[in-house]
């Protein structure tokens, strides 16, 4: 019976199950330990290899290594290969480490627009106390047309013809026409004849001689024989015989000869017309004067006459200008006494 049994007590000689399981566990633990050792060795070799490759790259970039550098590398235990000189494997594409490009700086975000602020309501206007009523100054009384016409006549009589003309022009511009001015004067209390005479004088002072002469004829004709009309027209010399031309010349180098013509603007015949002629120097001073009678003796309405005078008492060369003025005449129309 002993020849047919194995040492394990099993007839086929196979090991017992318990011992087999123990062997399997030992084998597995041994394999795991060897794998860890191999992993550590490989990691150590890879680290040494990478350090050596980096050192060689630095040495190539900075030039050939000197003896002192090599000596320090040999004495430095950190760079000494404990397993001996190992051939440096060529770096693979997996081992190469490329410098990653620096990420681009993010574009600055646009500044956010400030939210519009609501405008504060304007402050209420200050309330001013009511102003105390101020009594308006009384307006200056308007100057009447009668007063303005009288002022212009006074200036003309005093010899200030320029101011008289300005006053008369302003008065006419205010009223616009002879008829309107006559109506304004009548509205201020003047009768018809006085209002027309005053307006006629304003026309004359404003320089409207032809209009004034025509109106004077009409006024004298419509109010024939009225002392007020005749006196005013003669005083203002509205229908005075008007000198239309005056010439002077030197005769035989001894005397100055002055000739002139005039016209009768009156509504009737005039007679006995006399003219005064003056000889003046360069400054306007009267050197000599004489009177002359107009021929013919009688002048019908609208007709003309002439006169001639000679200056024998002065040097002809000293007389540079002459002047003539009608000083006397008679009219067939009744004149005031």
C-alpha atoms as a PDB file:
ATOM      1  CA  UNK A   1       0.000   0.000   0.000  1.00  0.00           C
ATOM      2  CA  UNK A   2       2.920   2.291   0.612  1.00  0.00           C
ATOM      3  CA  UNK A   3       4.303   1.855  -2.922  1.00  0.00           C
ATOM      4  CA  UNK A   4       1.100   3.125  -4.461  1.00  0.00           C
ATOM      5  CA  UNK A   5       0.837   6.492  -2.439  1.00  0.00           C
ATOM      6  CA  UNK A   6       2.785   9.795  -3.023  1.00  0.00           C
ATOM      7  CA  UNK A   7       4.287  11.979  -0.344  1.00  0.00           C
ATOM      8  CA  UNK A   8       1.350  14.377  -0.597  1.00  0.00           C
ATOM      9  CA  UNK A   9      -0.964  11.600   0.224  1.00  0.00           C
ATOM     10  CA  UNK A  10      -2.674  11.978  -3.259  1.00  0.00           C
ATOM     11  CA  UNK A  11      -2.623   8.946  -5.557  1.00  0.00           C
ATOM     12  CA  UNK A  12      -1.665  11.102  -8.669  1.00  0.00           C
ATOM     13  CA  UNK A  13       1.253  12.767  -6.867  1.00  0.00           C
ATOM     14  CA  UNK A  14      -0.105  16.365  -7.333  1.00  0.00           C
ATOM     15  CA  UNK A  15       0.670  18.968  -4.608  1.00  0.00           C
ATOM     16  CA  UNK A  16      -1.913  19.794  -2.112  1.00  0.00           C
ATOM     17  CA  UNK A  17      -4.192  22.730  -2.887  1.00  0.00           C
ATOM     18  CA  UNK A  18      -2.968  24.879   0.015  1.00  0.00           C
ATOM     19  CA  UNK A  19       0.674  24.823  -1.062  1.00  0.00           C
ATOM     20  CA  UNK A  20      -0.313  25.715  -4.631  1.00  0.00           C
ATOM     21  CA  UNK A  21      -2.156  28.801  -3.568  1.00  0.00           C
ATOM     22  CA  UNK A  22       0.803  29.948  -1.521  1.00  0.00           C
ATOM     23  CA  UNK A  23       3.127  29.609  -4.480  1.00  0.00           C
ATOM     24  CA  UNK A  24       0.812  31.625  -6.689  1.00  0.00           C
ATOM     25  CA  UNK A  25       0.673  34.465  -4.147  1.00  0.00           C
ATOM     26  CA  UNK A  26       4.443  34.549  -3.820  1.00  0.00           C
ATOM     27  CA  UNK A  27       4.868  34.655  -7.571  1.00  0.00           C
ATOM     28  CA  UNK A  28       2.445  37.502  -7.931  1.00  0.00           C
ATOM     29  CA  UNK A  29       4.078  39.546  -5.195  1.00  0.00           C
ATOM     30  CA  UNK A  30       7.478  38.932  -6.714  1.00  0.00           C
ATOM     31  CA  UNK A  31       6.269  40.101 -10.137  1.00  0.00           C
ATOM     32  CA  UNK A  32       4.759  43.238  -8.626  1.00  0.00           C
ATOM     33  CA  UNK A  33       7.966  44.010  -6.753  1.00  0.00           C
ATOM     34  CA  UNK A  34      10.059  43.478  -9.866  1.00  0.00           C
ATOM     35  CA  UNK A  35       7.725  45.758 -11.815  1.00  0.00           C
ATOM     36  CA  UNK A  36       8.103  48.495  -9.212  1.00  0.00           C
ATOM     37  CA  UNK A  37      11.871  48.120  -9.208  1.00  0.00           C
ATOM     38  CA  UNK A  38      11.965  48.249 -12.998  1.00  0.00           C
ATOM     39  CA  UNK A  39       9.768  51.349 -12.953  1.00  0.00           C
ATOM     40  CA  UNK A  40      12.047  53.077 -10.447  1.00  0.00           C
ATOM     41  CA  UNK A  41      15.150  52.174 -12.418  1.00  0.00           C
ATOM     42  CA  UNK A  42      13.660  53.408 -15.653  1.00  0.00           C
ATOM     43  CA  UNK A  43      12.594  56.632 -13.996  1.00  0.00           C
ATOM     44  CA  UNK A  44      16.081  57.124 -12.561  1.00  0.00           C
ATOM     45  CA  UNK A  45      17.720  56.440 -15.915  1.00  0.00           C
ATOM     46  CA  UNK A  46      15.328  58.810 -17.675  1.00  0.00           C
ATOM     47  CA  UNK A  47      16.079  61.554 -15.163  1.00  0.00           C
ATOM     48  CA  UNK A  48      19.830  61.083 -15.559  1.00  0.00           C
ATOM     49  CA  UNK A  49      19.482  61.069 -19.326  1.00  0.00           C
ATOM     50  CA  UNK A  50      17.428  64.240 -19.378  1.00  0.00           C
ATOM     51  CA  UNK A  51      19.929  65.971 -17.069  1.00  0.00           C
ATOM     52  CA  UNK A  52      22.806  64.949 -19.297  1.00  0.00           C
ATOM     53  CA  UNK A  53      21.057  66.129 -22.459  1.00  0.00           C
ATOM     54  CA  UNK A  54      20.300  69.525 -20.865  1.00  0.00           C
ATOM     55  CA  UNK A  55      23.907  69.903 -19.721  1.00  0.00           C
ATOM     56  CA  UNK A  56      25.248  69.118 -23.186  1.00  0.00           C
ATOM     57  CA  UNK A  57      22.823  71.622 -24.730  1.00  0.00           C
ATOM     58  CA  UNK A  58      24.007  74.340 -22.340  1.00  0.00           C
ATOM     59  CA  UNK A  59      27.622  73.482 -23.050  1.00  0.00           C
ATOM     60  CA  UNK A  60      27.049  73.718 -26.826  1.00  0.00           C
ATOM     61  CA  UNK A  61      25.296  77.066 -26.485  1.00  0.00           C
ATOM     62  CA  UNK A  62      28.055  78.631 -24.391  1.00  0.00           C
ATOM     63  CA  UNK A  63      31.003  77.226 -26.303  1.00  0.00           C
ATOM     64  CA  UNK A  64      33.396  74.391 -25.580  1.00  0.00           C
ATOM     65  CA  UNK A  65      33.666  73.378 -21.943  1.00  0.00           C
ATOM     66  CA  UNK A  66      36.914  74.213 -20.193  1.00  0.00           C
ATOM     67  CA  UNK A  67      38.920  71.809 -18.070  1.00  0.00           C
ATOM     68  CA  UNK A  68      37.676  73.339 -14.856  1.00  0.00           C
ATOM     69  CA  UNK A  69      34.115  72.896 -16.008  1.00  0.00           C
ATOM     70  CA  UNK A  70      34.750  69.253 -16.882  1.00  0.00           C
ATOM     71  CA  UNK A  71      36.504  68.660 -13.587  1.00  0.00           C
ATOM     72  CA  UNK A  72      33.631  70.121 -11.646  1.00  0.00           C
ATOM     73  CA  UNK A  73      31.225  67.989 -13.642  1.00  0.00           C
ATOM     74  CA  UNK A  74      33.237  64.837 -12.782  1.00  0.00           C
ATOM     75  CA  UNK A  75      33.469  65.735  -9.098  1.00  0.00           C
ATOM     76  CA  UNK A  76      29.810  66.716  -8.838  1.00  0.00           C
ATOM     77  CA  UNK A  77      28.025  63.617  -7.500  1.00  0.00           C
ATOM     78  CA  UNK A  78      24.715  64.932  -8.721  1.00  0.00           C
ATOM     79  CA  UNK A  79      25.929  64.613 -12.347  1.00  0.00           C
ATOM     80  CA  UNK A  80      27.894  61.374 -11.961  1.00  0.00           C
ATOM     81  CA  UNK A  81      26.212  58.402 -13.504  1.00  0.00           C
ATOM     82  CA  UNK A  82      26.141  55.699 -10.749  1.00  0.00           C
ATOM     83  CA  UNK A  83      25.549  52.972 -13.312  1.00  0.00           C
ATOM     84  CA  UNK A  84      28.527  53.982 -15.426  1.00  0.00           C
ATOM     85  CA  UNK A  85      28.658  55.733 -18.768  1.00  0.00           C
ATOM     86  CA  UNK A  86      25.527  54.945 -20.628  1.00  0.00           C
ATOM     87  CA  UNK A  87      25.049  55.706 -24.291  1.00  0.00           C
ATOM     88  CA  UNK A  88      22.813  58.714 -24.745  1.00  0.00           C
ATOM     89  CA  UNK A  89      19.831  57.797 -26.771  1.00  0.00           C
ATOM     90  CA  UNK A  90      18.732  60.182 -29.454  1.00  0.00           C
ATOM     91  CA  UNK A  91      15.895  62.331 -28.201  1.00  0.00           C
ATOM     92  CA  UNK A  92      12.612  61.244 -29.622  1.00  0.00           C
ATOM     93  CA  UNK A  93       9.809  63.445 -30.705  1.00  0.00           C
ATOM     94  CA  UNK A  94       7.929  62.331 -27.600  1.00  0.00           C
ATOM     95  CA  UNK A  95      10.770  63.408 -25.268  1.00  0.00           C
ATOM     96  CA  UNK A  96      11.347  66.800 -26.969  1.00  0.00           C
ATOM     97  CA  UNK A  97       9.761  69.609 -25.071  1.00  0.00           C
ATOM     98  CA  UNK A  98       8.799  72.571 -27.148  1.00  0.00           C
ATOM     99  CA  UNK A  99       8.380  75.961 -25.656  1.00  0.00           C
ATOM    100  CA  UNK A 100       4.759  76.809 -25.716  1.00  0.00           C
ATOM    101  CA  UNK A 101       4.064  80.288 -27.102  1.00  0.00           C
ATOM    102  CA  UNK A 102       2.911  82.740 -24.555  1.00  0.00           C
ATOM    103  CA  UNK A 103      -0.797  83.320 -24.853  1.00  0.00           C
ATOM    104  CA  UNK A 104      -1.693  86.644 -26.453  1.00  0.00           C
ATOM    105  CA  UNK A 105      -2.740  89.303 -24.041  1.00  0.00           C
ATOM    106  CA  UNK A 106      -6.482  89.659 -24.079  1.00  0.00           C
ATOM    107  CA  UNK A 107      -7.716  92.750 -25.897  1.00  0.00           C
ATOM    108  CA  UNK A 108      -8.774  95.449 -23.493  1.00  0.00           C
ATOM    109  CA  UNK A 109     -12.475  95.617 -23.108  1.00  0.00           C
ATOM    110  CA  UNK A 110     -14.044  98.887 -24.156  1.00  0.00           C
ATOM    111  CA  UNK A 111     -14.807 101.055 -21.265  1.00  0.00           C
ATOM    112  CA  UNK A 112     -18.392 100.888 -20.369  1.00  0.00           C
ATOM    113  CA  UNK A 113     -20.297 104.051 -21.150  1.00  0.00           C
ATOM    114  CA  UNK A 114     -21.380 105.801 -18.038  1.00  0.00           C
ATOM    115  CA  UNK A 115     -25.028 105.677 -17.483  1.00  0.00           C
ATOM    116  CA  UNK A 116     -26.598 109.061 -18.219  1.00  0.00           C
ATOM    117  CA  UNK A 117     -27.531 110.796 -15.108  1.00  0.00           C
ATOM    118  CA  UNK A 118     -30.911 112.235 -14.812  1.00  0.00           C
ATOM    119  CA  UNK A 119     -30.814 116.001 -14.952  1.00  0.00           C
ATOM    120  CA  UNK A 120     -31.870 117.638 -11.825  1.00  0.00           C
ATOM    121  CA  UNK A 121     -34.908 119.850 -12.313  1.00  0.00           C
ATOM    122  CA  UNK A 122     -33.975 123.534 -12.597  1.00  0.00           C
ATOM    123  CA  UNK A 123     -34.452 125.510  -9.469  1.00  0.00           C
ATOM    124  CA  UNK A 124     -37.597 127.570  -9.421  1.00  0.00           C
ATOM    125  CA  UNK A 125     -37.083 131.182 -10.486  1.00  0.00           C
ATOM    126  CA  UNK A 126     -36.725 133.600  -7.645  1.00  0.00           C
ATOM    127  CA  UNK A 127     -39.911 135.325  -6.808  1.00  0.00           C
ATOM    128  CA  UNK A 128     -39.359 139.032  -6.939  1.00  0.00           C
ATOM    129  CA  UNK A 129     -41.598 141.287  -4.978  1.00  0.00           C
ATOM    130  CA  UNK A 130     -43.924 143.318  -7.162  1.00  0.00           C
ATOM    131  CA  UNK A 131     -42.363 146.551  -8.236  1.00  0.00           C
ATOM    132  CA  UNK A 132     -43.898 149.639  -6.915  1.00  0.00           C
ATOM    133  CA  UNK A 133     -45.723 151.579  -9.591  1.00  0.00           C
ATOM    134  CA  UNK A 134     -43.641 154.449 -10.873  1.00  0.00           C
ATOM    135  CA  UNK A 135     -45.441 157.445 -12.113  1.00  0.00           C
ATOM    136  CA  UNK A 136     -44.429 158.174 -15.680  1.00  0.00           C
ATOM    137  CA  UNK A 137     -42.931 161.547 -16.271  1.00  0.00           C
ATOM    138  CA  UNK A 138     -45.282 163.775 -18.190  1.00  0.00           C
ATOM    139  CA  UNK A 139     -44.445 163.755 -21.885  1.00  0.00           C
ATOM    140  CA  UNK A 140     -43.061 166.937 -23.288  1.00  0.00           C
ATOM    141  CA  UNK A 141     -45.734 168.774 -25.181  1.00  0.00           C
ATOM    142  CA  UNK A 142     -45.389 168.423 -28.938  1.00  0.00           C
ATOM    143  CA  UNK A 143     -44.306 171.560 -30.718  1.00  0.00           C
ATOM    144  CA  UNK A 144     -47.046 172.817 -32.939  1.00  0.00           C
ATOM    145  CA  UNK A 145     -46.630 173.337 -36.662  1.00  0.00           C
ATOM    146  CA  UNK A 146     -47.342 177.041 -36.156  1.00  0.00           C
ATOM    147  CA  UNK A 147     -44.480 177.323 -33.675  1.00  0.00           C
ATOM    148  CA  UNK A 148     -42.080 175.451 -35.942  1.00  0.00           C
ATOM    149  CA  UNK A 149     -42.962 177.655 -38.912  1.00  0.00           C
ATOM    150  CA  UNK A 150     -42.476 180.782 -36.789  1.00  0.00           C
ATOM    151  CA  UNK A 151     -39.089 179.481 -35.620  1.00  0.00           C
ATOM    152  CA  UNK A 152     -37.935 178.897 -39.210  1.00  0.00           C
ATOM    153  CA  UNK A 153     -39.010 182.422 -40.231  1.00  0.00           C
ATOM    154  CA  UNK A 154     -37.180 183.959 -37.274  1.00  0.00           C
ATOM    155  CA  UNK A 155     -33.973 182.133 -38.246  1.00  0.00           C
ATOM    156  CA  UNK A 156     -34.257 183.369 -41.840  1.00  0.00           C
ATOM    157  CA  UNK A 157     -34.817 186.981 -40.785  1.00  0.00           C
ATOM    158  CA  UNK A 158     -31.789 186.739 -38.499  1.00  0.00           C
ATOM    159  CA  UNK A 159     -29.614 185.589 -41.405  1.00  0.00           C
ATOM    160  CA  UNK A 160     -29.285 181.925 -40.368  1.00  0.00           C
ATOM    161  CA  UNK A 161     -30.592 180.598 -43.665  1.00  0.00           C
ATOM    162  CA  UNK A 162     -29.135 177.091 -43.244  1.00  0.00           C
ATOM    163  CA  UNK A 163     -30.911 176.412 -39.937  1.00  0.00           C
ATOM    164  CA  UNK A 164     -34.065 177.988 -41.299  1.00  0.00           C
ATOM    165  CA  UNK A 165     -33.972 175.631 -44.248  1.00  0.00           C
ATOM    166  CA  UNK A 166     -33.477 172.565 -42.020  1.00  0.00           C
ATOM    167  CA  UNK A 167     -36.435 173.543 -39.851  1.00  0.00           C
ATOM    168  CA  UNK A 168     -38.651 174.081 -42.893  1.00  0.00           C
ATOM    169  CA  UNK A 169     -37.597 170.770 -44.506  1.00  0.00           C
ATOM    170  CA  UNK A 170     -38.344 168.869 -41.279  1.00  0.00           C
ATOM    171  CA  UNK A 171     -41.761 170.460 -41.020  1.00  0.00           C
ATOM    172  CA  UNK A 172     -42.619 169.588 -44.611  1.00  0.00           C
ATOM    173  CA  UNK A 173     -41.344 166.021 -44.128  1.00  0.00           C
ATOM    174  CA  UNK A 174     -43.596 165.631 -41.100  1.00  0.00           C
ATOM    175  CA  UNK A 175     -46.753 166.663 -42.954  1.00  0.00           C
ATOM    176  CA  UNK A 176     -45.834 165.542 -46.463  1.00  0.00           C
ATOM    177  CA  UNK A 177     -47.324 168.316 -48.611  1.00  0.00           C
ATOM    178  CA  UNK A 178     -48.395 171.949 -48.767  1.00  0.00           C
ATOM    179  CA  UNK A 179     -52.061 170.973 -48.502  1.00  0.00           C
ATOM    180  CA  UNK A 180     -51.509 168.766 -45.427  1.00  0.00           C
ATOM    181  CA  UNK A 181     -49.416 171.452 -43.762  1.00  0.00           C
ATOM    182  CA  UNK A 182     -52.110 174.046 -44.457  1.00  0.00           C
ATOM    183  CA  UNK A 183     -54.716 171.765 -42.899  1.00  0.00           C
ATOM    184  CA  UNK A 184     -52.513 171.224 -39.808  1.00  0.00           C
ATOM    185  CA  UNK A 185     -52.039 174.968 -39.383  1.00  0.00           C
ATOM    186  CA  UNK A 186     -55.779 175.548 -39.776  1.00  0.00           C
ATOM    187  CA  UNK A 187     -56.428 172.842 -37.195  1.00  0.00           C
ATOM    188  CA  UNK A 188     -54.285 174.760 -34.715  1.00  0.00           C
ATOM    189  CA  UNK A 189     -56.562 177.817 -34.996  1.00  0.00           C
ATOM    190  CA  UNK A 190     -55.259 179.792 -37.990  1.00  0.00           C
ATOM    191  CA  UNK A 191     -57.764 181.048 -40.540  1.00  0.00           C
ATOM    192  CA  UNK A 192     -57.574 179.956 -44.153  1.00  0.00           C
ATOM    193  CA  UNK A 193     -55.519 182.903 -45.445  1.00  0.00           C
ATOM    194  CA  UNK A 194     -53.057 182.846 -42.539  1.00  0.00           C
ATOM    195  CA  UNK A 195     -52.622 179.063 -42.803  1.00  0.00           C
ATOM    196  CA  UNK A 196     -51.907 179.273 -46.560  1.00  0.00           C
ATOM    197  CA  UNK A 197     -49.469 182.165 -46.102  1.00  0.00           C
ATOM    198  CA  UNK A 198     -47.550 180.312 -43.372  1.00  0.00           C
ATOM    199  CA  UNK A 199     -47.360 177.131 -45.477  1.00  0.00           C
ATOM    200  CA  UNK A 200     -46.205 179.249 -48.411  1.00  0.00           C
ATOM    201  CA  UNK A 201     -43.397 180.725 -46.323  1.00  0.00           C
ATOM    202  CA  UNK A 202     -42.299 177.195 -45.269  1.00  0.00           C
ATOM    203  CA  UNK A 203     -42.099 176.177 -48.938  1.00  0.00           C
ATOM    204  CA  UNK A 204     -39.924 179.188 -49.721  1.00  0.00           C
ATOM    205  CA  UNK A 205     -37.558 178.593 -46.764  1.00  0.00           C
ATOM    206  CA  UNK A 206     -37.215 174.918 -47.733  1.00  0.00           C
ATOM    207  CA  UNK A 207     -35.757 176.020 -51.081  1.00  0.00           C
ATOM    208  CA  UNK A 208     -38.783 175.166 -53.235  1.00  0.00           C
ATOM    209  CA  UNK A 209     -38.739 178.519 -55.055  1.00  0.00           C
ATOM    210  CA  UNK A 210     -40.685 177.534 -58.165  1.00  0.00           C
ATOM    211  CA  UNK A 211     -43.527 175.908 -56.168  1.00  0.00           C
ATOM    212  CA  UNK A 212     -43.606 178.883 -53.783  1.00  0.00           C
ATOM    213  CA  UNK A 213     -43.800 181.358 -56.670  1.00  0.00           C
ATOM    214  CA  UNK A 214     -46.684 179.533 -58.322  1.00  0.00           C
ATOM    215  CA  UNK A 215     -48.615 179.300 -55.063  1.00  0.00           C
ATOM    216  CA  UNK A 216     -47.940 183.001 -54.356  1.00  0.00           C
ATOM    217  CA  UNK A 217     -49.464 183.931 -57.718  1.00  0.00           C
ATOM    218  CA  UNK A 218     -52.527 181.819 -56.941  1.00  0.00           C
ATOM    219  CA  UNK A 219     -52.842 183.270 -53.455  1.00  0.00           C
ATOM    220  CA  UNK A 220     -52.446 186.873 -54.674  1.00  0.00           C
ATOM    221  CA  UNK A 221     -54.945 186.308 -57.460  1.00  0.00           C
ATOM    222  CA  UNK A 222     -57.566 184.724 -55.231  1.00  0.00           C
ATOM    223  CA  UNK A 223     -57.192 187.310 -52.476  1.00  0.00           C
ATOM    224  CA  UNK A 224     -56.682 190.390 -54.671  1.00  0.00           C
ATOM    225  CA  UNK A 225     -56.180 193.544 -52.649  1.00  0.00           C
ATOM    226  CA  UNK A 226     -55.974 191.829 -49.253  1.00  0.00           C
ATOM    227  CA  UNK A 227     -53.381 193.827 -47.292  1.00  0.00           C
ATOM    228  CA  UNK A 228     -52.190 190.781 -45.344  1.00  0.00           C
ATOM    229  CA  UNK A 229     -51.478 188.787 -48.514  1.00  0.00           C
ATOM    230  CA  UNK A 230     -49.792 191.619 -50.395  1.00  0.00           C
ATOM    231  CA  UNK A 231     -47.614 192.619 -47.455  1.00  0.00           C
ATOM    232  CA  UNK A 232     -46.479 189.094 -46.763  1.00  0.00           C
ATOM    233  CA  UNK A 233     -45.670 188.306 -50.400  1.00  0.00           C
ATOM    234  CA  UNK A 234     -43.705 191.523 -50.853  1.00  0.00           C
ATOM    235  CA  UNK A 235     -41.916 191.125 -47.509  1.00  0.00           C
ATOM    236  CA  UNK A 236     -40.860 187.597 -48.413  1.00  0.00           C
ATOM    237  CA  UNK A 237     -39.906 188.778 -51.901  1.00  0.00           C
ATOM    238  CA  UNK A 238     -41.794 185.864 -53.387  1.00  0.00           C
ATOM    239  CA  UNK A 239     -42.935 187.790 -56.506  1.00  0.00           C
ATOM    240  CA  UNK A 240     -39.946 190.122 -56.688  1.00  0.00           C
ATOM    241  CA  UNK A 241     -38.473 190.582 -60.193  1.00  0.00           C
ATOM    242  CA  UNK A 242     -35.865 187.808 -60.400  1.00  0.00           C
ATOM    243  CA  UNK A 243     -32.394 188.317 -61.875  1.00  0.00           C
ATOM    244  CA  UNK A 244     -31.665 185.467 -64.245  1.00  0.00           C
ATOM    245  CA  UNK A 245     -28.222 186.424 -65.585  1.00  0.00           C
ATOM    246  CA  UNK A 246     -25.249 188.637 -64.615  1.00  0.00           C
ATOM    247  CA  UNK A 247     -22.041 189.208 -66.654  1.00  0.00           C
ATOM    248  CA  UNK A 248     -19.019 191.489 -66.216  1.00  0.00           C
ATOM    249  CA  UNK A 249     -16.158 192.581 -68.475  1.00  0.00           C
ATOM    250  CA  UNK A 250     -13.316 195.149 -68.610  1.00  0.00           C
ATOM    251  CA  UNK A 251     -13.682 197.960 -71.146  1.00  0.00           C
ATOM    252  CA  UNK A 252     -10.550 199.677 -72.583  1.00  0.00           C
ATOM    253  CA  UNK A 253      -8.585 198.536 -69.516  1.00  0.00           C
ATOM    254  CA  UNK A 254     -10.180 201.438 -67.666  1.00  0.00           C
ATOM    255  CA  UNK A 255     -13.534 200.345 -66.343  1.00  0.00           C
ATOM    256  CA  UNK A 256     -15.649 197.277 -65.446  1.00  0.00           C
ATOM    257  CA  UNK A 257     -18.920 196.854 -67.352  1.00  0.00           C
ATOM    258  CA  UNK A 258     -21.732 194.768 -65.737  1.00  0.00           C
ATOM    259  CA  UNK A 259     -24.821 193.620 -67.672  1.00  0.00           C
ATOM    260  CA  UNK A 260     -27.783 191.553 -66.505  1.00  0.00           C
ATOM    261  CA  UNK A 261     -31.322 190.371 -67.213  1.00  0.00           C
ATOM    262  CA  UNK A 262     -34.393 189.794 -65.048  1.00  0.00           C
ATOM    263  CA  UNK A 263     -37.957 188.478 -65.315  1.00  0.00           C
ATOM    264  CA  UNK A 264     -41.301 189.599 -63.872  1.00  0.00           C
ATOM    265  CA  UNK A 265     -42.893 186.648 -61.886  1.00  0.00           C
ATOM    266  CA  UNK A 266     -45.897 188.669 -60.658  1.00  0.00           C
ATOM    267  CA  UNK A 267     -49.487 188.236 -61.802  1.00  0.00           C
ATOM    268  CA  UNK A 268     -49.633 191.828 -63.122  1.00  0.00           C
ATOM    269  CA  UNK A 269     -47.459 194.397 -64.872  1.00  0.00           C
ATOM    270  CA  UNK A 270     -44.545 195.949 -62.969  1.00  0.00           C
ATOM    271  CA  UNK A 271     -42.858 199.330 -63.572  1.00  0.00           C
ATOM    272  CA  UNK A 272     -39.923 201.408 -62.389  1.00  0.00           C
ATOM    273  CA  UNK A 273     -37.652 198.475 -61.585  1.00  0.00           C
ATOM    274  CA  UNK A 274     -34.243 199.492 -60.152  1.00  0.00           C
ATOM    275  CA  UNK A 275     -31.244 197.246 -59.519  1.00  0.00           C
ATOM    276  CA  UNK A 276     -28.241 197.798 -57.220  1.00  0.00           C
ATOM    277  CA  UNK A 277     -24.916 196.384 -58.521  1.00  0.00           C
ATOM    278  CA  UNK A 278     -21.824 195.865 -56.290  1.00  0.00           C
ATOM    279  CA  UNK A 279     -18.180 195.297 -57.259  1.00  0.00           C
ATOM    280  CA  UNK A 280     -16.396 192.898 -54.823  1.00  0.00           C
ATOM    281  CA  UNK A 281     -12.758 191.965 -54.209  1.00  0.00           C
ATOM    282  CA  UNK A 282     -11.404 188.445 -53.611  1.00  0.00           C
ATOM    283  CA  UNK A 283     -12.463 188.527 -49.932  1.00  0.00           C
ATOM    284  CA  UNK A 284     -16.040 189.579 -50.765  1.00  0.00           C
ATOM    285  CA  UNK A 285     -15.621 193.160 -49.624  1.00  0.00           C
ATOM    286  CA  UNK A 286     -17.643 195.812 -51.511  1.00  0.00           C
ATOM    287  CA  UNK A 287     -15.247 198.082 -53.431  1.00  0.00           C
ATOM    288  CA  UNK A 288     -17.882 200.073 -55.353  1.00  0.00           C
ATOM    289  CA  UNK A 289     -21.657 200.122 -55.839  1.00  0.00           C
ATOM    290  CA  UNK A 290     -24.161 201.823 -58.179  1.00  0.00           C
ATOM    291  CA  UNK A 291     -27.841 201.696 -59.254  1.00  0.00           C
ATOM    292  CA  UNK A 292     -29.286 200.968 -62.663  1.00  0.00           C
ATOM    293  CA  UNK A 293     -32.805 201.136 -64.150  1.00  0.00           C
ATOM    294  CA  UNK A 294     -34.246 198.150 -65.952  1.00  0.00           C
ATOM    295  CA  UNK A 295     -35.382 198.615 -69.548  1.00  0.00           C
ATOM    296  CA  UNK A 296     -38.126 198.639 -70.686  1.00  0.00           C
ATOM    297  CA  UNK A 297     -39.898 200.674 -68.031  1.00  0.00           C
ATOM    298  CA  UNK A 298     -42.882 198.337 -67.821  1.00  0.00           C
ATOM    299  CA  UNK A 299     -42.671 194.556 -67.726  1.00  0.00           C
ATOM    300  CA  UNK A 300     -45.708 192.389 -68.378  1.00  0.00           C
ATOM    301  CA  UNK A 301     -46.210 189.207 -66.317  1.00  0.00           C
ATOM    302  CA  UNK A 302     -43.582 186.643 -67.293  1.00  0.00           C
ATOM    303  CA  UNK A 303     -41.613 189.098 -69.509  1.00  0.00           C
ATOM    304  CA  UNK A 304     -37.982 190.144 -68.968  1.00  0.00           C
ATOM    305  CA  UNK A 305     -35.802 193.257 -69.039  1.00  0.00           C
ATOM    306  CA  UNK A 306     -32.091 194.157 -68.897  1.00  0.00           C
ATOM    307  CA  UNK A 307     -29.708 196.608 -67.250  1.00  0.00           C
ATOM    308  CA  UNK A 308     -26.101 197.841 -67.629  1.00  0.00           C
ATOM    309  CA  UNK A 309     -23.688 199.618 -65.228  1.00  0.00           C
ATOM    310  CA  UNK A 310     -20.036 200.790 -65.425  1.00  0.00           C
ATOM    311  CA  UNK A 311     -17.473 201.141 -62.652  1.00  0.00           C
ATOM    312  CA  UNK A 312     -15.033 203.990 -63.454  1.00  0.00           C
ATOM    313  CA  UNK A 313     -13.816 204.813 -59.942  1.00  0.00           C
ATOM    314  CA  UNK A 314     -11.783 201.670 -59.145  1.00  0.00           C
ATOM    315  CA  UNK A 315      -8.978 199.666 -60.696  1.00  0.00           C
ATOM    316  CA  UNK A 316     -10.601 197.075 -62.926  1.00  0.00           C
ATOM    317  CA  UNK A 317      -8.066 194.461 -61.828  1.00  0.00           C
ATOM    318  CA  UNK A 318      -9.257 194.711 -58.199  1.00  0.00           C
ATOM    319  CA  UNK A 319     -12.865 193.782 -58.984  1.00  0.00           C
ATOM    320  CA  UNK A 320     -13.060 190.015 -59.093  1.00  0.00           C
ATOM    321  CA  UNK A 321     -16.790 189.468 -58.574  1.00  0.00           C
ATOM    322  CA  UNK A 322     -20.053 191.378 -59.025  1.00  0.00           C
ATOM    323  CA  UNK A 323     -23.475 191.161 -57.381  1.00  0.00           C
ATOM    324  CA  UNK A 324     -26.937 192.579 -58.352  1.00  0.00           C
ATOM    325  CA  UNK A 325     -30.089 193.010 -56.226  1.00  0.00           C
ATOM    326  CA  UNK A 326     -33.585 194.329 -57.176  1.00  0.00           C
ATOM    327  CA  UNK A 327     -34.259 197.183 -54.755  1.00  0.00           C
ATOM    328  CA  UNK A 328     -37.334 198.947 -56.131  1.00  0.00           C
ATOM    329  CA  UNK A 329     -40.340 198.281 -58.371  1.00  0.00           C
ATOM    330  CA  UNK A 330     -44.043 199.112 -58.707  1.00  0.00           C
ATOM    331  CA  UNK A 331     -46.888 196.677 -59.415  1.00  0.00           C
ATOM    332  CA  UNK A 332     -50.250 197.394 -61.044  1.00  0.00           C
ATOM    333  CA  UNK A 333     -51.771 195.093 -58.464  1.00  0.00           C
ATOM    334  CA  UNK A 334     -52.806 197.120 -55.442  1.00  0.00           C
ATOM    335  CA  UNK A 335     -49.915 197.188 -52.966  1.00  0.00           C
ATOM    336  CA  UNK A 336     -50.349 197.964 -49.266  1.00  0.00           C
ATOM    337  CA  UNK A 337     -49.806 201.596 -48.306  1.00  0.00           C
END
